[in-house]
Amino acid sequence: MTPFMLAAALFAAEPQKPVQTHDFSVQEIKGLIQKPAVDVTISRKPADFPRAFKVRENFDDKIVSSVDQL
């Protein structure tokens, strides 16, 4: 006999263990969720966007040109 055939014969000769089954549907597990008592505060720098238009301080040249158009 070859070693493989000998191993197969010994394996087949061993008695099989009975299969155990457990039914957990009857059991009830009670518990509480424990969470850490921590408040997280995130502060971030405000966004710095470029202005969409240029703020002018002096409209004198526009006022003078509008008077000339009348």
PDB file of N, CA and C in Angstrom:
ATOM      1  N   MET A   1       0.839  -1.194   0.000  1.00  0.00           N
ATOM      2  CA  MET A   1       0.000   0.000   0.000  1.00  0.00           C
ATOM      3  C   MET A   1       0.879   1.251   0.000  1.00  0.00           C
ATOM      4  N   THR A   2       0.399   2.243  -0.678  1.00  0.00           N
ATOM      5  CA  THR A   2       1.129   3.507  -0.682  1.00  0.00           C
ATOM      6  C   THR A   2       0.729   4.303   0.545  1.00  0.00           C
ATOM      7  N   PRO A   3       1.532   5.261   0.930  1.00  0.00           N
ATOM      8  CA  PRO A   3       1.201   6.064   2.129  1.00  0.00           C
ATOM      9  C   PRO A   3      -0.135   6.802   1.986  1.00  0.00           C
ATOM     10  N   PHE A   4      -0.467   7.205   0.791  1.00  0.00           N
ATOM     11  CA  PHE A   4      -1.729   7.925   0.600  1.00  0.00           C
ATOM     12  C   PHE A   4      -2.928   7.001   0.803  1.00  0.00           C
ATOM     13  N   MET A   5      -2.811   5.799   0.326  1.00  0.00           N
ATOM     14  CA  MET A   5      -3.911   4.845   0.495  1.00  0.00           C
ATOM     15  C   MET A   5      -4.054   4.445   1.957  1.00  0.00           C
ATOM     16  N   LEU A   6      -2.898   4.330   2.671  1.00  0.00           N
ATOM     17  CA  LEU A   6      -2.923   3.985   4.088  1.00  0.00           C
ATOM     18  C   LEU A   6      -3.583   5.104   4.892  1.00  0.00           C
ATOM     19  N   ALA A   7      -3.253   6.354   4.577  1.00  0.00           N
ATOM     20  CA  ALA A   7      -3.838   7.502   5.273  1.00  0.00           C
ATOM     21  C   ALA A   7      -5.342   7.579   5.003  1.00  0.00           C
ATOM     22  N   ALA A   8      -5.749   7.306   3.779  1.00  0.00           N
ATOM     23  CA  ALA A   8      -7.168   7.344   3.438  1.00  0.00           C
ATOM     24  C   ALA A   8      -7.929   6.247   4.166  1.00  0.00           C
ATOM     25  N   ALA A   9      -7.320   5.092   4.308  1.00  0.00           N
ATOM     26  CA  ALA A   9      -7.971   3.981   5.002  1.00  0.00           C
ATOM     27  C   ALA A   9      -8.111   4.279   6.494  1.00  0.00           C
ATOM     28  N   LEU A  10      -7.078   4.889   7.100  1.00  0.00           N
ATOM     29  CA  LEU A  10      -7.144   5.237   8.522  1.00  0.00           C
ATOM     30  C   LEU A  10      -8.162   6.353   8.773  1.00  0.00           C
ATOM     31  N   PHE A  11      -8.224   7.310   7.863  1.00  0.00           N
ATOM     32  CA  PHE A  11      -9.157   8.429   8.006  1.00  0.00           C
ATOM     33  C   PHE A  11     -10.597   7.941   7.910  1.00  0.00           C
ATOM     34  N   ALA A  12     -10.845   7.015   7.002  1.00  0.00           N
ATOM     35  CA  ALA A  12     -12.198   6.489   6.823  1.00  0.00           C
ATOM     36  C   ALA A  12     -12.601   5.600   7.995  1.00  0.00           C
ATOM     37  N   ALA A  13     -11.630   5.020   8.685  1.00  0.00           N
ATOM     38  CA  ALA A  13     -11.940   4.113   9.781  1.00  0.00           C
ATOM     39  C   ALA A  13     -12.299   4.844  11.064  1.00  0.00           C
ATOM     40  N   GLU A  14     -11.936   6.152  11.177  1.00  0.00           N
ATOM     41  CA  GLU A  14     -12.216   6.904  12.406  1.00  0.00           C
ATOM     42  C   GLU A  14     -13.714   7.193  12.510  1.00  0.00           C
ATOM     43  N   PRO A  15     -14.286   7.029  13.707  1.00  0.00           N
ATOM     44  CA  PRO A  15     -15.717   7.338  13.865  1.00  0.00           C
ATOM     45  C   PRO A  15     -15.947   8.849  13.806  1.00  0.00           C
ATOM     46  N   GLN A  16     -17.025   9.238  13.194  1.00  0.00           N
ATOM     47  CA  GLN A  16     -17.360  10.658  13.070  1.00  0.00           C
ATOM     48  C   GLN A  16     -17.992  11.148  14.368  1.00  0.00           C
ATOM     49  N   LYS A  17     -17.653  12.369  14.768  1.00  0.00           N
ATOM     50  CA  LYS A  17     -18.226  12.982  15.971  1.00  0.00           C
ATOM     51  C   LYS A  17     -19.638  13.475  15.648  1.00  0.00           C
ATOM     52  N   PRO A  18     -20.555  13.362  16.586  1.00  0.00           N
ATOM     53  CA  PRO A  18     -21.908  13.873  16.321  1.00  0.00           C
ATOM     54  C   PRO A  18     -21.897  15.408  16.234  1.00  0.00           C
ATOM     55  N   VAL A  19     -22.723  15.952  15.393  1.00  0.00           N
ATOM     56  CA  VAL A  19     -22.802  17.391  15.185  1.00  0.00           C
ATOM     57  C   VAL A  19     -23.666  18.000  16.285  1.00  0.00           C
ATOM     58  N   GLN A  20     -23.140  19.040  16.941  1.00  0.00           N
ATOM     59  CA  GLN A  20     -23.897  19.710  17.990  1.00  0.00           C
ATOM     60  C   GLN A  20     -24.553  20.957  17.406  1.00  0.00           C
ATOM     61  N   THR A  21     -25.799  21.164  17.750  1.00  0.00           N
ATOM     62  CA  THR A  21     -26.499  22.368  17.304  1.00  0.00           C
ATOM     63  C   THR A  21     -26.971  23.136  18.534  1.00  0.00           C
ATOM     64  N   HIS A  22     -26.954  24.443  18.424  1.00  0.00           N
ATOM     65  CA  HIS A  22     -27.379  25.325  19.509  1.00  0.00           C
ATOM     66  C   HIS A  22     -28.490  26.227  18.987  1.00  0.00           C
ATOM     67  N   ASP A  23     -29.539  26.367  19.753  1.00  0.00           N
ATOM     68  CA  ASP A  23     -30.656  27.226  19.385  1.00  0.00           C
ATOM     69  C   ASP A  23     -30.615  28.469  20.267  1.00  0.00           C
ATOM     70  N   PHE A  24     -30.241  29.611  19.672  1.00  0.00           N
ATOM     71  CA  PHE A  24     -30.128  30.860  20.420  1.00  0.00           C
ATOM     72  C   PHE A  24     -31.393  31.712  20.335  1.00  0.00           C
ATOM     73  N   SER A  25     -32.427  31.223  19.683  1.00  0.00           N
ATOM     74  CA  SER A  25     -33.629  32.031  19.522  1.00  0.00           C
ATOM     75  C   SER A  25     -34.393  32.171  20.835  1.00  0.00           C
ATOM     76  N   VAL A  26     -34.157  31.315  21.788  1.00  0.00           N
ATOM     77  CA  VAL A  26     -34.872  31.357  23.057  1.00  0.00           C
ATOM     78  C   VAL A  26     -34.213  32.346  24.019  1.00  0.00           C
ATOM     79  N   GLN A  27     -32.933  32.558  23.862  1.00  0.00           N
ATOM     80  CA  GLN A  27     -32.194  33.407  24.791  1.00  0.00           C
ATOM     81  C   GLN A  27     -32.360  34.876  24.427  1.00  0.00           C
ATOM     82  N   GLU A  28     -32.420  35.718  25.453  1.00  0.00           N
ATOM     83  CA  GLU A  28     -32.555  37.156  25.256  1.00  0.00           C
ATOM     84  C   GLU A  28     -31.369  37.836  25.917  1.00  0.00           C
ATOM     85  N   ILE A  29     -30.732  38.700  25.191  1.00  0.00           N
ATOM     86  CA  ILE A  29     -29.567  39.412  25.705  1.00  0.00           C
ATOM     87  C   ILE A  29     -29.958  40.862  25.897  1.00  0.00           C
ATOM     88  N   LYS A  30     -29.761  41.362  27.114  1.00  0.00           N
ATOM     89  CA  LYS A  30     -30.075  42.761  27.421  1.00  0.00           C
ATOM     90  C   LYS A  30     -28.771  43.492  27.717  1.00  0.00           C
ATOM     91  N   GLY A  31     -28.720  44.735  27.294  1.00  0.00           N
ATOM     92  CA  GLY A  31     -27.526  45.526  27.547  1.00  0.00           C
ATOM     93  C   GLY A  31     -27.769  46.986  27.231  1.00  0.00           C
ATOM     94  N   LEU A  32     -26.823  47.805  27.587  1.00  0.00           N
ATOM     95  CA  LEU A  32     -26.874  49.245  27.321  1.00  0.00           C
ATOM     96  C   LEU A  32     -25.693  49.630  26.449  1.00  0.00           C
ATOM     97  N   ILE A  33     -25.927  50.601  25.614  1.00  0.00           N
ATOM     98  CA  ILE A  33     -24.841  51.130  24.801  1.00  0.00           C
ATOM     99  C   ILE A  33     -24.147  52.219  25.606  1.00  0.00           C
ATOM    100  N   GLN A  34     -22.867  52.060  25.776  1.00  0.00           N
ATOM    101  CA  GLN A  34     -22.106  53.066  26.517  1.00  0.00           C
ATOM    102  C   GLN A  34     -21.295  53.879  25.521  1.00  0.00           C
ATOM    103  N   LYS A  35     -21.518  55.183  25.553  1.00  0.00           N
ATOM    104  CA  LYS A  35     -20.796  56.084  24.666  1.00  0.00           C
ATOM    105  C   LYS A  35     -20.017  57.070  25.525  1.00  0.00           C
ATOM    106  N   PRO A  36     -18.924  57.554  25.028  1.00  0.00           N
ATOM    107  CA  PRO A  36     -18.175  58.540  25.797  1.00  0.00           C
ATOM    108  C   PRO A  36     -18.925  59.872  25.846  1.00  0.00           C
ATOM    109  N   ALA A  37     -18.873  60.548  26.971  1.00  0.00           N
ATOM    110  CA  ALA A  37     -19.542  61.841  27.138  1.00  0.00           C
ATOM    111  C   ALA A  37     -18.572  62.943  26.719  1.00  0.00           C
ATOM    112  N   VAL A  38     -18.442  63.123  25.404  1.00  0.00           N
ATOM    113  CA  VAL A  38     -17.484  64.080  24.866  1.00  0.00           C
ATOM    114  C   VAL A  38     -18.194  64.931  23.824  1.00  0.00           C
ATOM    115  N   ASP A  39     -17.992  66.232  23.890  1.00  0.00           N
ATOM    116  CA  ASP A  39     -18.489  67.138  22.859  1.00  0.00           C
ATOM    117  C   ASP A  39     -17.307  67.565  22.006  1.00  0.00           C
ATOM    118  N   VAL A  40     -17.432  67.398  20.716  1.00  0.00           N
ATOM    119  CA  VAL A  40     -16.360  67.761  19.798  1.00  0.00           C
ATOM    120  C   VAL A  40     -16.725  69.081  19.138  1.00  0.00           C
ATOM    121  N   THR A  41     -15.852  70.054  19.269  1.00  0.00           N
ATOM    122  CA  THR A  41     -16.064  71.357  18.656  1.00  0.00           C
ATOM    123  C   THR A  41     -14.962  71.582  17.632  1.00  0.00           C
ATOM    124  N   ILE A  42     -15.384  71.786  16.397  1.00  0.00           N
ATOM    125  CA  ILE A  42     -14.417  72.022  15.330  1.00  0.00           C
ATOM    126  C   ILE A  42     -14.564  73.463  14.877  1.00  0.00           C
ATOM    127  N   SER A  43     -13.503  74.222  15.006  1.00  0.00           N
ATOM    128  CA  SER A  43     -13.544  75.595  14.521  1.00  0.00           C
ATOM    129  C   SER A  43     -12.598  75.692  13.333  1.00  0.00           C
ATOM    130  N   ARG A  44     -13.062  76.366  12.305  1.00  0.00           N
ATOM    131  CA  ARG A  44     -12.217  76.503  11.139  1.00  0.00           C
ATOM    132  C   ARG A  44     -12.159  77.960  10.717  1.00  0.00           C
ATOM    133  N   LYS A  45     -11.142  78.293  10.004  1.00  0.00           N
ATOM    134  CA  LYS A  45     -10.933  79.650   9.543  1.00  0.00           C
ATOM    135  C   LYS A  45     -11.978  79.989   8.482  1.00  0.00           C
ATOM    136  N   PRO A  46     -12.590  81.166   8.562  1.00  0.00           N
ATOM    137  CA  PRO A  46     -13.575  81.523   7.534  1.00  0.00           C
ATOM    138  C   PRO A  46     -12.924  81.596   6.153  1.00  0.00           C
ATOM    139  N   ALA A  47     -13.706  81.308   5.124  1.00  0.00           N
ATOM    140  CA  ALA A  47     -13.193  81.314   3.753  1.00  0.00           C
ATOM    141  C   ALA A  47     -12.848  82.733   3.329  1.00  0.00           C
ATOM    142  N   ASP A  48     -11.776  82.863   2.593  1.00  0.00           N
ATOM    143  CA  ASP A  48     -11.316  84.168   2.123  1.00  0.00           C
ATOM    144  C   ASP A  48     -11.424  84.178   0.597  1.00  0.00           C
ATOM    145  N   PHE A  49     -12.600  84.635   0.095  1.00  0.00           N
ATOM    146  CA  PHE A  49     -12.819  84.692  -1.335  1.00  0.00           C
ATOM    147  C   PHE A  49     -12.483  86.094  -1.848  1.00  0.00           C
ATOM    148  N   PRO A  50     -11.949  86.190  -3.058  1.00  0.00           N
ATOM    149  CA  PRO A  50     -11.713  87.521  -3.634  1.00  0.00           C
ATOM    150  C   PRO A  50     -13.047  88.182  -3.968  1.00  0.00           C
ATOM    151  N   ARG A  51     -13.082  89.490  -3.926  1.00  0.00           N
ATOM    152  CA  ARG A  51     -14.321  90.219  -4.212  1.00  0.00           C
ATOM    153  C   ARG A  51     -14.723  90.039  -5.672  1.00  0.00           C
ATOM    154  N   ALA A  52     -16.016  89.951  -5.915  1.00  0.00           N
ATOM    155  CA  ALA A  52     -16.528  89.792  -7.271  1.00  0.00           C
ATOM    156  C   ALA A  52     -16.484  91.120  -8.037  1.00  0.00           C
ATOM    157  N   PHE A  53     -16.465  92.232  -7.313  1.00  0.00           N
ATOM    158  CA  PHE A  53     -16.407  93.544  -7.956  1.00  0.00           C
ATOM    159  C   PHE A  53     -15.529  94.456  -7.115  1.00  0.00           C
ATOM    160  N   LYS A  54     -15.047  95.506  -7.753  1.00  0.00           N
ATOM    161  CA  LYS A  54     -14.166  96.451  -7.080  1.00  0.00           C
ATOM    162  C   LYS A  54     -15.007  97.572  -6.473  1.00  0.00           C
ATOM    163  N   VAL A  55     -14.840  97.824  -5.194  1.00  0.00           N
ATOM    164  CA  VAL A  55     -15.569  98.891  -4.519  1.00  0.00           C
ATOM    165  C   VAL A  55     -14.812 100.194  -4.769  1.00  0.00           C
ATOM    166  N   ARG A  56     -15.520 101.133  -5.397  1.00  0.00           N
ATOM    167  CA  ARG A  56     -14.890 102.415  -5.703  1.00  0.00           C
ATOM    168  C   ARG A  56     -15.278 103.437  -4.645  1.00  0.00           C
ATOM    169  N   GLU A  57     -14.348 104.311  -4.323  1.00  0.00           N
ATOM    170  CA  GLU A  57     -14.598 105.337  -3.312  1.00  0.00           C
ATOM    171  C   GLU A  57     -14.946 106.688  -3.951  1.00  0.00           C
ATOM    172  N   ASN A  58     -14.600 106.881  -5.226  1.00  0.00           N
ATOM    173  CA  ASN A  58     -14.789 108.179  -5.856  1.00  0.00           C
ATOM    174  C   ASN A  58     -15.499 107.998  -7.197  1.00  0.00           C
ATOM    175  N   PHE A  59     -16.684 108.630  -7.330  1.00  0.00           N
ATOM    176  CA  PHE A  59     -17.454 108.550  -8.557  1.00  0.00           C
ATOM    177  C   PHE A  59     -17.482 109.894  -9.292  1.00  0.00           C
ATOM    178  N   ASP A  60     -16.594 110.772  -8.941  1.00  0.00           N
ATOM    179  CA  ASP A  60     -16.619 112.124  -9.527  1.00  0.00           C
ATOM    180  C   ASP A  60     -16.510 112.085 -11.052  1.00  0.00           C
ATOM    181  N   ASP A  61     -15.614 111.268 -11.591  1.00  0.00           N
ATOM    182  CA  ASP A  61     -15.438 111.241 -13.044  1.00  0.00           C
ATOM    183  C   ASP A  61     -16.696 110.709 -13.754  1.00  0.00           C
ATOM    184  N   LYS A  62     -17.410 109.777 -13.179  1.00  0.00           N
ATOM    185  CA  LYS A  62     -18.641 109.247 -13.760  1.00  0.00           C
ATOM    186  C   LYS A  62     -19.761 110.304 -13.710  1.00  0.00           C
ATOM    187  N   ILE A  63     -19.823 111.034 -12.608  1.00  0.00           N
ATOM    188  CA  ILE A  63     -20.865 112.067 -12.480  1.00  0.00           C
ATOM    189  C   ILE A  63     -20.638 113.179 -13.503  1.00  0.00           C
ATOM    190  N   VAL A  64     -19.415 113.611 -13.681  1.00  0.00           N
ATOM    191  CA  VAL A  64     -19.093 114.670 -14.640  1.00  0.00           C
ATOM    192  C   VAL A  64     -19.400 114.206 -16.055  1.00  0.00           C
ATOM    193  N   SER A  65     -19.042 112.986 -16.417  1.00  0.00           N
ATOM    194  CA  SER A  65     -19.291 112.495 -17.775  1.00  0.00           C
ATOM    195  C   SER A  65     -20.791 112.313 -18.025  1.00  0.00           C
ATOM    196  N   SER A  66     -21.571 111.944 -16.986  1.00  0.00           N
ATOM    197  CA  SER A  66     -23.003 111.790 -17.176  1.00  0.00           C
ATOM    198  C   SER A  66     -23.681 113.137 -17.412  1.00  0.00           C
ATOM    199  N   VAL A  67     -23.182 114.205 -16.805  1.00  0.00           N
ATOM    200  CA  VAL A  67     -23.748 115.553 -17.008  1.00  0.00           C
ATOM    201  C   VAL A  67     -23.478 116.005 -18.433  1.00  0.00           C
ATOM    202  N   ASP A  68     -22.310 115.657 -18.965  1.00  0.00           N
ATOM    203  CA  ASP A  68     -21.978 116.074 -20.328  1.00  0.00           C
ATOM    204  C   ASP A  68     -22.863 115.366 -21.367  1.00  0.00           C
ATOM    205  N   GLN A  69     -23.343 114.183 -21.050  1.00  0.00           N
ATOM    206  CA  GLN A  69     -24.192 113.436 -21.987  1.00  0.00           C
ATOM    207  C   GLN A  69     -25.597 114.016 -22.066  1.00  0.00           C
ATOM    208  N   LEU A  70     -26.030 114.748 -21.060  1.00  0.00           N
ATOM    209  CA  LEU A  70     -27.376 115.330 -21.069  1.00  0.00           C
ATOM    210  C   LEU A  70     -27.362 116.503 -21.989  1.00  0.00           C
TER     211      LEU A  70
END
